[in-house]
Amino acid sequence: EKLEVGMAFRAQSTDGQPIEVEIID
């Protein structure tokens, strides 16, 4: 619903590995 700077998400890297990403802007 509401995206905020500092929120973290699990995603997949280009090679399919799990990666944690953080909203920085």
mmCIF file of all heavy atoms, coordinates in Angstrom:
data_MODEL
# 
_entry.id   MODEL 
# 
loop_
_atom_site.group_PDB 
_atom_site.id 
_atom_site.type_symbol 
_atom_site.label_atom_id 
_atom_site.label_alt_id 
_atom_site.label_comp_id 
_atom_site.label_asym_id 
_atom_site.label_entity_id 
_atom_site.label_seq_id 
_atom_site.pdbx_PDB_ins_code 
_atom_site.Cartn_x 
_atom_site.Cartn_y 
_atom_site.Cartn_z 
_atom_site.occupancy 
_atom_site.B_iso_or_equiv 
_atom_site.pdbx_formal_charge 
_atom_site.auth_seq_id 
_atom_site.auth_comp_id 
_atom_site.auth_asym_id 
_atom_site.auth_atom_id 
_atom_site.pdbx_PDB_model_num 
ATOM 1   N N   . GLU A 1 1  ? 0.797  -1.219  0.000   1.00 0.00 ? 1  GLU A N   1 
ATOM 2   C CA  . GLU A 1 1  ? 0.000  0.000   0.000   1.00 0.00 ? 1  GLU A CA  1 
ATOM 3   C C   . GLU A 1 1  ? 0.829  1.269   0.000   1.00 0.00 ? 1  GLU A C   1 
ATOM 4   O O   . GLU A 1 1  ? 0.620  2.155   -0.806  1.00 0.00 ? 1  GLU A O   1 
ATOM 5   C CB  . GLU A 1 1  ? -0.939 -0.002  1.216   1.00 0.00 ? 1  GLU A CB  1 
ATOM 6   C CG  . GLU A 1 1  ? -2.384 -0.160  0.820   1.00 0.00 ? 1  GLU A CG  1 
ATOM 7   C CD  . GLU A 1 1  ? -3.283 -0.175  2.028   1.00 0.00 ? 1  GLU A CD  1 
ATOM 8   O OE1 . GLU A 1 1  ? -3.421 0.873   2.686   1.00 0.00 ? 1  GLU A OE1 1 
ATOM 9   O OE2 . GLU A 1 1  ? -3.852 -1.243  2.291   1.00 0.00 ? 1  GLU A OE2 1 
ATOM 10  N N   . LYS A 1 2  ? 1.776  1.360   0.941   1.00 0.00 ? 2  LYS A N   1 
ATOM 11  C CA  . LYS A 1 2  ? 2.549  2.589   1.065   1.00 0.00 ? 2  LYS A CA  1 
ATOM 12  C C   . LYS A 1 2  ? 4.031  2.256   1.094   1.00 0.00 ? 2  LYS A C   1 
ATOM 13  O O   . LYS A 1 2  ? 4.521  1.615   2.014   1.00 0.00 ? 2  LYS A O   1 
ATOM 14  C CB  . LYS A 1 2  ? 2.151  3.341   2.342   1.00 0.00 ? 2  LYS A CB  1 
ATOM 15  C CG  . LYS A 1 2  ? 2.844  4.680   2.456   1.00 0.00 ? 2  LYS A CG  1 
ATOM 16  C CD  . LYS A 1 2  ? 2.285  5.519   3.578   1.00 0.00 ? 2  LYS A CD  1 
ATOM 17  C CE  . LYS A 1 2  ? 2.908  6.896   3.465   1.00 0.00 ? 2  LYS A CE  1 
ATOM 18  N NZ  . LYS A 1 2  ? 3.400  7.428   4.667   1.00 0.00 ? 2  LYS A NZ  1 
ATOM 19  N N   . LEU A 1 3  ? 4.741  2.700   0.076   1.00 0.00 ? 3  LEU A N   1 
ATOM 20  C CA  . LEU A 1 3  ? 6.186  2.495   0.007   1.00 0.00 ? 3  LEU A CA  1 
ATOM 21  C C   . LEU A 1 3  ? 6.889  3.610   0.767   1.00 0.00 ? 3  LEU A C   1 
ATOM 22  O O   . LEU A 1 3  ? 6.492  4.769   0.680   1.00 0.00 ? 3  LEU A O   1 
ATOM 23  C CB  . LEU A 1 3  ? 6.655  2.485   -1.447  1.00 0.00 ? 3  LEU A CB  1 
ATOM 24  C CG  . LEU A 1 3  ? 6.102  1.354   -2.313  1.00 0.00 ? 3  LEU A CG  1 
ATOM 25  C CD1 . LEU A 1 3  ? 6.482  1.566   -3.772  1.00 0.00 ? 3  LEU A CD1 1 
ATOM 26  C CD2 . LEU A 1 3  ? 6.614  0.007   -1.824  1.00 0.00 ? 3  LEU A CD2 1 
ATOM 27  N N   . GLU A 1 4  ? 7.948  3.245   1.528   1.00 0.00 ? 4  GLU A N   1 
ATOM 28  C CA  . GLU A 1 4  ? 8.709  4.233   2.282   1.00 0.00 ? 4  GLU A CA  1 
ATOM 29  C C   . GLU A 1 4  ? 10.197 3.927   2.174   1.00 0.00 ? 4  GLU A C   1 
ATOM 30  O O   . GLU A 1 4  ? 10.596 2.761   2.084   1.00 0.00 ? 4  GLU A O   1 
ATOM 31  C CB  . GLU A 1 4  ? 8.307  4.194   3.764   1.00 0.00 ? 4  GLU A CB  1 
ATOM 32  C CG  . GLU A 1 4  ? 6.877  4.587   4.018   1.00 0.00 ? 4  GLU A CG  1 
ATOM 33  C CD  . GLU A 1 4  ? 6.511  4.530   5.506   1.00 0.00 ? 4  GLU A CD  1 
ATOM 34  O OE1 . GLU A 1 4  ? 7.417  4.415   6.343   1.00 0.00 ? 4  GLU A OE1 1 
ATOM 35  O OE2 . GLU A 1 4  ? 5.311  4.596   5.796   1.00 0.00 ? 4  GLU A OE2 1 
ATOM 36  N N   . VAL A 1 5  ? 11.006 4.983   2.206   1.00 0.00 ? 5  VAL A N   1 
ATOM 37  C CA  . VAL A 1 5  ? 12.459 4.821   2.221   1.00 0.00 ? 5  VAL A CA  1 
ATOM 38  C C   . VAL A 1 5  ? 12.827 4.007   3.460   1.00 0.00 ? 5  VAL A C   1 
ATOM 39  O O   . VAL A 1 5  ? 12.296 4.236   4.547   1.00 0.00 ? 5  VAL A O   1 
ATOM 40  C CB  . VAL A 1 5  ? 13.167 6.196   2.219   1.00 0.00 ? 5  VAL A CB  1 
ATOM 41  C CG1 . VAL A 1 5  ? 14.658 6.040   2.474   1.00 0.00 ? 5  VAL A CG1 1 
ATOM 42  C CG2 . VAL A 1 5  ? 12.916 6.924   0.909   1.00 0.00 ? 5  VAL A CG2 1 
ATOM 43  N N   . GLY A 1 6  ? 13.712 3.029   3.276   1.00 0.00 ? 6  GLY A N   1 
ATOM 44  C CA  . GLY A 1 6  ? 14.143 2.168   4.374   1.00 0.00 ? 6  GLY A CA  1 
ATOM 45  C C   . GLY A 1 6  ? 13.452 0.818   4.395   1.00 0.00 ? 6  GLY A C   1 
ATOM 46  O O   . GLY A 1 6  ? 13.916 -0.108  5.067   1.00 0.00 ? 6  GLY A O   1 
ATOM 47  N N   . MET A 1 7  ? 12.337 0.682   3.654   1.00 0.00 ? 7  MET A N   1 
ATOM 48  C CA  . MET A 1 7  ? 11.657 -0.614  3.601   1.00 0.00 ? 7  MET A CA  1 
ATOM 49  C C   . MET A 1 7  ? 12.562 -1.615  2.889   1.00 0.00 ? 7  MET A C   1 
ATOM 50  O O   . MET A 1 7  ? 13.248 -1.277  1.929   1.00 0.00 ? 7  MET A O   1 
ATOM 51  C CB  . MET A 1 7  ? 10.328 -0.505  2.855   1.00 0.00 ? 7  MET A CB  1 
ATOM 52  C CG  . MET A 1 7  ? 9.264  0.265   3.584   1.00 0.00 ? 7  MET A CG  1 
ATOM 53  S SD  . MET A 1 7  ? 7.735  0.423   2.609   1.00 0.00 ? 7  MET A SD  1 
ATOM 54  C CE  . MET A 1 7  ? 6.894  -1.075  3.089   1.00 0.00 ? 7  MET A CE  1 
ATOM 55  N N   . ALA A 1 8  ? 12.542 -2.860  3.359   1.00 0.00 ? 8  ALA A N   1 
ATOM 56  C CA  . ALA A 1 8  ? 13.350 -3.916  2.753   1.00 0.00 ? 8  ALA A CA  1 
ATOM 57  C C   . ALA A 1 8  ? 12.434 -4.984  2.161   1.00 0.00 ? 8  ALA A C   1 
ATOM 58  O O   . ALA A 1 8  ? 11.351 -5.262  2.696   1.00 0.00 ? 8  ALA A O   1 
ATOM 59  C CB  . ALA A 1 8  ? 14.271 -4.533  3.788   1.00 0.00 ? 8  ALA A CB  1 
ATOM 60  N N   . PHE A 1 9  ? 12.888 -5.558  1.065   1.00 0.00 ? 9  PHE A N   1 
ATOM 61  C CA  . PHE A 1 9  ? 12.137 -6.593  0.361   1.00 0.00 ? 9  PHE A CA  1 
ATOM 62  C C   . PHE A 1 9  ? 13.081 -7.708  -0.051  1.00 0.00 ? 9  PHE A C   1 
ATOM 63  O O   . PHE A 1 9  ? 14.260 -7.469  -0.304  1.00 0.00 ? 9  PHE A O   1 
ATOM 64  C CB  . PHE A 1 9  ? 11.485 -6.026  -0.915  1.00 0.00 ? 9  PHE A CB  1 
ATOM 65  C CG  . PHE A 1 9  ? 10.440 -4.997  -0.658  1.00 0.00 ? 9  PHE A CG  1 
ATOM 66  C CD1 . PHE A 1 9  ? 10.785 -3.655  -0.552  1.00 0.00 ? 9  PHE A CD1 1 
ATOM 67  C CD2 . PHE A 1 9  ? 9.112  -5.344  -0.517  1.00 0.00 ? 9  PHE A CD2 1 
ATOM 68  C CE1 . PHE A 1 9  ? 9.830  -2.686  -0.318  1.00 0.00 ? 9  PHE A CE1 1 
ATOM 69  C CE2 . PHE A 1 9  ? 8.143  -4.388  -0.270  1.00 0.00 ? 9  PHE A CE2 1 
ATOM 70  C CZ  . PHE A 1 9  ? 8.501  -3.055  -0.175  1.00 0.00 ? 9  PHE A CZ  1 
ATOM 71  N N   . ARG A 1 10 ? 12.552 -8.915  -0.168  1.00 0.00 ? 10 ARG A N   1 
ATOM 72  C CA  . ARG A 1 10 ? 13.300 -10.023 -0.745  1.00 0.00 ? 10 ARG A CA  1 
ATOM 73  C C   . ARG A 1 10 ? 13.023 -10.019 -2.236  1.00 0.00 ? 10 ARG A C   1 
ATOM 74  O O   . ARG A 1 10 ? 11.887 -9.890  -2.667  1.00 0.00 ? 10 ARG A O   1 
ATOM 75  C CB  . ARG A 1 10 ? 12.845 -11.348 -0.158  1.00 0.00 ? 10 ARG A CB  1 
ATOM 76  C CG  . ARG A 1 10 ? 13.548 -11.702 1.125   1.00 0.00 ? 10 ARG A CG  1 
ATOM 77  C CD  . ARG A 1 10 ? 14.059 -13.128 0.964   1.00 0.00 ? 10 ARG A CD  1 
ATOM 78  N NE  . ARG A 1 10 ? 14.857 -13.673 2.005   1.00 0.00 ? 10 ARG A NE  1 
ATOM 79  C CZ  . ARG A 1 10 ? 16.142 -13.437 2.181   1.00 0.00 ? 10 ARG A CZ  1 
ATOM 80  N NH1 . ARG A 1 10 ? 16.770 -12.583 1.443   1.00 0.00 ? 10 ARG A NH1 1 
ATOM 81  N NH2 . ARG A 1 10 ? 16.811 -14.049 3.114   1.00 0.00 ? 10 ARG A NH2 1 
ATOM 82  N N   . ALA A 1 11 ? 14.088 -10.155 -3.010  1.00 0.00 ? 11 ALA A N   1 
ATOM 83  C CA  . ALA A 1 11 ? 13.957 -10.184 -4.463  1.00 0.00 ? 11 ALA A CA  1 
ATOM 84  C C   . ALA A 1 11 ? 14.881 -11.271 -4.995  1.00 0.00 ? 11 ALA A C   1 
ATOM 85  O O   . ALA A 1 11 ? 15.494 -12.009 -4.224  1.00 0.00 ? 11 ALA A O   1 
ATOM 86  C CB  . ALA A 1 11 ? 14.335 -8.816  -5.040  1.00 0.00 ? 11 ALA A CB  1 
ATOM 87  N N   . GLN A 1 12 ? 14.978 -11.360 -6.319  1.00 0.00 ? 12 GLN A N   1 
ATOM 88  C CA  . GLN A 1 12 ? 15.899 -12.300 -6.945  1.00 0.00 ? 12 GLN A CA  1 
ATOM 89  C C   . GLN A 1 12 ? 16.910 -11.526 -7.757  1.00 0.00 ? 12 GLN A C   1 
ATOM 90  O O   . GLN A 1 12 ? 16.560 -10.574 -8.465  1.00 0.00 ? 12 GLN A O   1 
ATOM 91  C CB  . GLN A 1 12 ? 15.156 -13.266 -7.876  1.00 0.00 ? 12 GLN A CB  1 
ATOM 92  C CG  . GLN A 1 12 ? 14.551 -14.437 -7.164  1.00 0.00 ? 12 GLN A CG  1 
ATOM 93  C CD  . GLN A 1 12 ? 14.089 -15.497 -8.146  1.00 0.00 ? 12 GLN A CD  1 
ATOM 94  O OE1 . GLN A 1 12 ? 13.953 -15.256 -9.337  1.00 0.00 ? 12 GLN A OE1 1 
ATOM 95  N NE2 . GLN A 1 12 ? 13.849 -16.688 -7.643  1.00 0.00 ? 12 GLN A NE2 1 
ATOM 96  N N   . SER A 1 13 ? 18.185 -11.943 -7.636  1.00 0.00 ? 13 SER A N   1 
ATOM 97  C CA  . SER A 1 13 ? 19.228 -11.319 -8.446  1.00 0.00 ? 13 SER A CA  1 
ATOM 98  C C   . SER A 1 13 ? 19.085 -11.810 -9.881  1.00 0.00 ? 13 SER A C   1 
ATOM 99  O O   . SER A 1 13 ? 18.286 -12.703 -10.174 1.00 0.00 ? 13 SER A O   1 
ATOM 100 C CB  . SER A 1 13 ? 20.609 -11.673 -7.895  1.00 0.00 ? 13 SER A CB  1 
ATOM 101 O OG  . SER A 1 13 ? 20.843 -13.056 -8.018  1.00 0.00 ? 13 SER A OG  1 
ATOM 102 N N   . THR A 1 14 ? 19.874 -11.240 -10.776 1.00 0.00 ? 14 THR A N   1 
ATOM 103 C CA  . THR A 1 14 ? 19.792 -11.637 -12.187 1.00 0.00 ? 14 THR A CA  1 
ATOM 104 C C   . THR A 1 14 ? 20.143 -13.102 -12.394 1.00 0.00 ? 14 THR A C   1 
ATOM 105 O O   . THR A 1 14 ? 19.704 -13.708 -13.361 1.00 0.00 ? 14 THR A O   1 
ATOM 106 C CB  . THR A 1 14 ? 20.717 -10.761 -13.060 1.00 0.00 ? 14 THR A CB  1 
ATOM 107 O OG1 . THR A 1 14 ? 22.039 -10.808 -12.507 1.00 0.00 ? 14 THR A OG1 1 
ATOM 108 C CG2 . THR A 1 14 ? 20.236 -9.324  -13.100 1.00 0.00 ? 14 THR A CG2 1 
ATOM 109 N N   . ASP A 1 15 ? 20.910 -13.687 -11.464 1.00 0.00 ? 15 ASP A N   1 
ATOM 110 C CA  . ASP A 1 15 ? 21.238 -15.109 -11.578 1.00 0.00 ? 15 ASP A CA  1 
ATOM 111 C C   . ASP A 1 15 ? 20.287 -15.994 -10.761 1.00 0.00 ? 15 ASP A C   1 
ATOM 112 O O   . ASP A 1 15 ? 20.546 -17.176 -10.546 1.00 0.00 ? 15 ASP A O   1 
ATOM 113 C CB  . ASP A 1 15 ? 22.694 -15.385 -11.218 1.00 0.00 ? 15 ASP A CB  1 
ATOM 114 C CG  . ASP A 1 15 ? 23.047 -15.011 -9.786  1.00 0.00 ? 15 ASP A CG  1 
ATOM 115 O OD1 . ASP A 1 15 ? 22.156 -14.515 -9.056  1.00 0.00 ? 15 ASP A OD1 1 
ATOM 116 O OD2 . ASP A 1 15 ? 24.207 -15.202 -9.399  1.00 0.00 ? 15 ASP A OD2 1 
ATOM 117 N N   . GLY A 1 16 ? 19.174 -15.411 -10.289 1.00 0.00 ? 16 GLY A N   1 
ATOM 118 C CA  . GLY A 1 16 ? 18.141 -16.179 -9.605  1.00 0.00 ? 16 GLY A CA  1 
ATOM 119 C C   . GLY A 1 16 ? 18.358 -16.395 -8.123  1.00 0.00 ? 16 GLY A C   1 
ATOM 120 O O   . GLY A 1 16 ? 17.580 -17.088 -7.475  1.00 0.00 ? 16 GLY A O   1 
ATOM 121 N N   . GLN A 1 17 ? 19.399 -15.802 -7.556  1.00 0.00 ? 17 GLN A N   1 
ATOM 122 C CA  . GLN A 1 17 ? 19.682 -15.955 -6.128  1.00 0.00 ? 17 GLN A CA  1 
ATOM 123 C C   . GLN A 1 17 ? 18.827 -14.976 -5.318  1.00 0.00 ? 17 GLN A C   1 
ATOM 124 O O   . GLN A 1 17 ? 18.584 -13.856 -5.760  1.00 0.00 ? 17 GLN A O   1 
ATOM 125 C CB  . GLN A 1 17 ? 21.167 -15.683 -5.851  1.00 0.00 ? 17 GLN A CB  1 
ATOM 126 C CG  . GLN A 1 17 ? 22.101 -16.685 -6.496  1.00 0.00 ? 17 GLN A CG  1 
ATOM 127 C CD  . GLN A 1 17 ? 21.885 -18.093 -5.982  1.00 0.00 ? 17 GLN A CD  1 
ATOM 128 O OE1 . GLN A 1 17 ? 21.782 -18.333 -4.796  1.00 0.00 ? 17 GLN A OE1 1 
ATOM 129 N NE2 . GLN A 1 17 ? 21.777 -19.027 -6.905  1.00 0.00 ? 17 GLN A NE2 1 
ATOM 130 N N   . PRO A 1 18 ? 18.390 -15.394 -4.122  1.00 0.00 ? 18 PRO A N   1 
ATOM 131 C CA  . PRO A 1 18 ? 17.634 -14.455 -3.283  1.00 0.00 ? 18 PRO A CA  1 
ATOM 132 C C   . PRO A 1 18 ? 18.545 -13.322 -2.824  1.00 0.00 ? 18 PRO A C   1 
ATOM 133 O O   . PRO A 1 18 ? 19.717 -13.530 -2.526  1.00 0.00 ? 18 PRO A O   1 
ATOM 134 C CB  . PRO A 1 18 ? 17.164 -15.301 -2.106  1.00 0.00 ? 18 PRO A CB  1 
ATOM 135 C CG  . PRO A 1 18 ? 18.020 -16.517 -2.107  1.00 0.00 ? 18 PRO A CG  1 
ATOM 136 C CD  . PRO A 1 18 ? 18.540 -16.700 -3.493  1.00 0.00 ? 18 PRO A CD  1 
ATOM 137 N N   . ILE A 1 19 ? 17.980 -12.127 -2.806  1.00 0.00 ? 19 ILE A N   1 
ATOM 138 C CA  . ILE A 1 19 ? 18.736 -10.937 -2.416  1.00 0.00 ? 19 ILE A CA  1 
ATOM 139 C C   . ILE A 1 19 ? 17.794 -10.011 -1.662  1.00 0.00 ? 19 ILE A C   1 
ATOM 140 O O   . ILE A 1 19 ? 16.607 -9.937  -1.969  1.00 0.00 ? 19 ILE A O   1 
ATOM 141 C CB  . ILE A 1 19 ? 19.338 -10.244 -3.665  1.00 0.00 ? 19 ILE A CB  1 
ATOM 142 C CG1 . ILE A 1 19 ? 20.235 -9.074  -3.283  1.00 0.00 ? 19 ILE A CG1 1 
ATOM 143 C CG2 . ILE A 1 19 ? 18.278 -9.814  -4.636  1.00 0.00 ? 19 ILE A CG2 1 
ATOM 144 C CD1 . ILE A 1 19 ? 20.973 -8.462  -4.466  1.00 0.00 ? 19 ILE A CD1 1 
ATOM 145 N N   . GLU A 1 20 ? 18.319 -9.335  -0.651  1.00 0.00 ? 20 GLU A N   1 
ATOM 146 C CA  . GLU A 1 20 ? 17.515 -8.358  0.070   1.00 0.00 ? 20 GLU A CA  1 
ATOM 147 C C   . GLU A 1 20 ? 17.815 -6.988  -0.512  1.00 0.00 ? 20 GLU A C   1 
ATOM 148 O O   . GLU A 1 20 ? 18.973 -6.624  -0.697  1.00 0.00 ? 20 GLU A O   1 
ATOM 149 C CB  . GLU A 1 20 ? 17.811 -8.381  1.559   1.00 0.00 ? 20 GLU A CB  1 
ATOM 150 C CG  . GLU A 1 20 ? 16.826 -7.529  2.336   1.00 0.00 ? 20 GLU A CG  1 
ATOM 151 C CD  . GLU A 1 20 ? 16.794 -7.850  3.806   1.00 0.00 ? 20 GLU A CD  1 
ATOM 152 O OE1 . GLU A 1 20 ? 16.602 -9.019  4.158   1.00 0.00 ? 20 GLU A OE1 1 
ATOM 153 O OE2 . GLU A 1 20 ? 16.946 -6.904  4.595   1.00 0.00 ? 20 GLU A OE2 1 
ATOM 154 N N   . VAL A 1 21 ? 16.763 -6.251  -0.828  1.00 0.00 ? 21 VAL A N   1 
ATOM 155 C CA  . VAL A 1 21 ? 16.923 -4.900  -1.366  1.00 0.00 ? 21 VAL A CA  1 
ATOM 156 C C   . VAL A 1 21 ? 16.232 -3.914  -0.429  1.00 0.00 ? 21 VAL A C   1 
ATOM 157 O O   . VAL A 1 21 ? 15.274 -4.259  0.260   1.00 0.00 ? 21 VAL A O   1 
ATOM 158 C CB  . VAL A 1 21 ? 16.349 -4.768  -2.797  1.00 0.00 ? 21 VAL A CB  1 
ATOM 159 C CG1 . VAL A 1 21 ? 17.072 -5.696  -3.761  1.00 0.00 ? 21 VAL A CG1 1 
ATOM 160 C CG2 . VAL A 1 21 ? 14.856 -5.025  -2.837  1.00 0.00 ? 21 VAL A CG2 1 
ATOM 161 N N   . GLU A 1 22 ? 16.753 -2.694  -0.408  1.00 0.00 ? 22 GLU A N   1 
ATOM 162 C CA  . GLU A 1 22 ? 16.197 -1.648  0.446   1.00 0.00 ? 22 GLU A CA  1 
ATOM 163 C C   . GLU A 1 22 ? 15.823 -0.451  -0.416  1.00 0.00 ? 22 GLU A C   1 
ATOM 164 O O   . GLU A 1 22 ? 16.570 -0.083  -1.330  1.00 0.00 ? 22 GLU A O   1 
ATOM 165 C CB  . GLU A 1 22 ? 17.234 -1.218  1.490   1.00 0.00 ? 22 GLU A CB  1 
ATOM 166 C CG  . GLU A 1 22 ? 16.742 -0.114  2.402   1.00 0.00 ? 22 GLU A CG  1 
ATOM 167 C CD  . GLU A 1 22 ? 17.807 0.352   3.384   1.00 0.00 ? 22 GLU A CD  1 
ATOM 168 O OE1 . GLU A 1 22 ? 18.884 -0.249  3.453   1.00 0.00 ? 22 GLU A OE1 1 
ATOM 169 O OE2 . GLU A 1 22 ? 17.536 1.354   4.068   1.00 0.00 ? 22 GLU A OE2 1 
ATOM 170 N N   . ILE A 1 23 ? 14.678 0.137   -0.129  1.00 0.00 ? 23 ILE A N   1 
ATOM 171 C CA  . ILE A 1 23 ? 14.287 1.365   -0.828  1.00 0.00 ? 23 ILE A CA  1 
ATOM 172 C C   . ILE A 1 23 ? 15.151 2.498   -0.288  1.00 0.00 ? 23 ILE A C   1 
ATOM 173 O O   . ILE A 1 23 ? 15.185 2.738   0.921   1.00 0.00 ? 23 ILE A O   1 
ATOM 174 C CB  . ILE A 1 23 ? 12.795 1.679   -0.624  1.00 0.00 ? 23 ILE A CB  1 
ATOM 175 C CG1 . ILE A 1 23 ? 11.931 0.585   -1.269  1.00 0.00 ? 23 ILE A CG1 1 
ATOM 176 C CG2 . ILE A 1 23 ? 12.445 3.049   -1.216  1.00 0.00 ? 23 ILE A CG2 1 
ATOM 177 C CD1 . ILE A 1 23 ? 10.435 0.759   -1.047  1.00 0.00 ? 23 ILE A CD1 1 
ATOM 178 N N   . ILE A 1 24 ? 15.877 3.182   -1.198  1.00 0.00 ? 24 ILE A N   1 
ATOM 179 C CA  . ILE A 1 24 ? 16.750 4.276   -0.759  1.00 0.00 ? 24 ILE A CA  1 
ATOM 180 C C   . ILE A 1 24 ? 16.249 5.641   -1.228  1.00 0.00 ? 24 ILE A C   1 
ATOM 181 O O   . ILE A 1 24 ? 16.714 6.658   -0.740  1.00 0.00 ? 24 ILE A O   1 
ATOM 182 C CB  . ILE A 1 24 ? 18.213 4.053   -1.199  1.00 0.00 ? 24 ILE A CB  1 
ATOM 183 C CG1 . ILE A 1 24 ? 18.331 3.928   -2.715  1.00 0.00 ? 24 ILE A CG1 1 
ATOM 184 C CG2 . ILE A 1 24 ? 18.799 2.840   -0.485  1.00 0.00 ? 24 ILE A CG2 1 
ATOM 185 C CD1 . ILE A 1 24 ? 19.764 3.916   -3.229  1.00 0.00 ? 24 ILE A CD1 1 
ATOM 186 N N   . ASP A 1 25 ? 15.283 5.654   -2.170  1.00 0.00 ? 25 ASP A N   1 
ATOM 187 C CA  . ASP A 1 25 ? 14.738 6.926   -2.632  1.00 0.00 ? 25 ASP A CA  1 
ATOM 188 C C   . ASP A 1 25 ? 13.402 6.694   -3.322  1.00 0.00 ? 25 ASP A C   1 
ATOM 189 O O   . ASP A 1 25 ? 13.202 5.659   -3.975  1.00 0.00 ? 25 ASP A O   1 
ATOM 190 C CB  . ASP A 1 25 ? 15.710 7.614   -3.607  1.00 0.00 ? 25 ASP A CB  1 
ATOM 191 C CG  . ASP A 1 25 ? 15.278 9.033   -3.955  1.00 0.00 ? 25 ASP A CG  1 
ATOM 192 O OD1 . ASP A 1 25 ? 14.927 9.798   -3.028  1.00 0.00 ? 25 ASP A OD1 1 
ATOM 193 O OD2 . ASP A 1 25 ? 15.284 9.382   -5.154  1.00 0.00 ? 25 ASP A OD2 1 
# 
